Amino acid sequence: MKTQIIIHSNFNKMIQHLNLQQTVHLQFLFGQFNSDIHCFKKDYKLFTSN
């Protein structure tokens, strides 16, 4: 759970650093980010179950 919080705070810092004003682009970015995390979690579960 701690890693998730760290990832999210780093992601927020990244957004602030980029200073993007395009909400549509941000939503797309965040959606991509969430799906990447979801895939990582699934792969990680497969890896740890073996």
Protein backbone atom coordinates (compact mmCIF):
# COMPACT_ATOMS: atom_id res chain seq x y z
CA MET A 1 0.00 0.00 0.00
CA LYS A 2 2.88 2.36 0.77
CA THR A 3 4.32 1.99 -2.73
CA GLN A 4 0.95 2.94 -4.22
CA ILE A 5 0.92 6.19 -2.23
CA ILE A 6 4.50 6.96 -3.26
CA ILE A 7 3.67 6.31 -6.93
CA HIS A 8 0.60 8.57 -6.75
CA SER A 9 2.46 11.44 -5.05
CA ASN A 10 5.28 11.16 -7.59
CA PHE A 11 2.71 11.17 -10.39
CA ASN A 12 1.10 14.32 -8.94
CA LYS A 13 4.51 15.99 -8.75
CA MET A 14 5.11 15.02 -12.38
CA ILE A 15 1.80 16.65 -13.42
CA GLN A 16 2.68 19.81 -11.49
CA HIS A 17 6.14 19.82 -13.04
CA LEU A 18 4.76 19.47 -16.57
CA ASN A 19 2.12 22.09 -15.67
CA LEU A 20 -0.33 20.75 -18.25
CA GLN A 21 -3.51 22.76 -18.68
CA GLN A 22 -5.19 20.31 -21.09
CA THR A 23 -7.58 18.32 -18.91
CA VAL A 24 -8.43 15.86 -21.68
CA HIS A 25 -4.75 15.06 -22.14
CA LEU A 26 -4.34 14.76 -18.36
CA GLN A 27 -7.31 12.39 -18.11
CA PHE A 28 -5.83 10.27 -20.89
CA LEU A 29 -2.44 10.27 -19.17
CA PHE A 30 -3.98 9.30 -15.84
CA GLY A 31 -6.06 6.57 -17.49
CA GLN A 32 -2.94 5.14 -19.12
CA PHE A 33 -1.13 5.37 -15.79
CA ASN A 34 -3.93 3.50 -13.97
CA SER A 35 -4.10 0.73 -16.58
CA ASP A 36 -0.30 0.34 -16.44
CA ILE A 37 -0.48 0.01 -12.64
CA HIS A 38 -3.34 -2.51 -13.00
CA CYS A 39 -1.31 -4.61 -15.46
CA PHE A 40 1.71 -4.40 -13.17
CA LYS A 41 -0.38 -5.62 -10.22
CA LYS A 42 -1.70 -8.58 -12.24
CA ASP A 43 1.81 -9.51 -13.42
CA TYR A 44 3.13 -9.11 -9.89
CA LYS A 45 0.42 -11.43 -8.50
CA LEU A 46 1.27 -14.05 -11.13
CA PHE A 47 4.94 -13.69 -10.30
CA THR A 48 4.45 -13.98 -6.53
CA SER A 49 1.99 -16.89 -6.72
CA ASN A 50 4.56 -19.15 -8.46
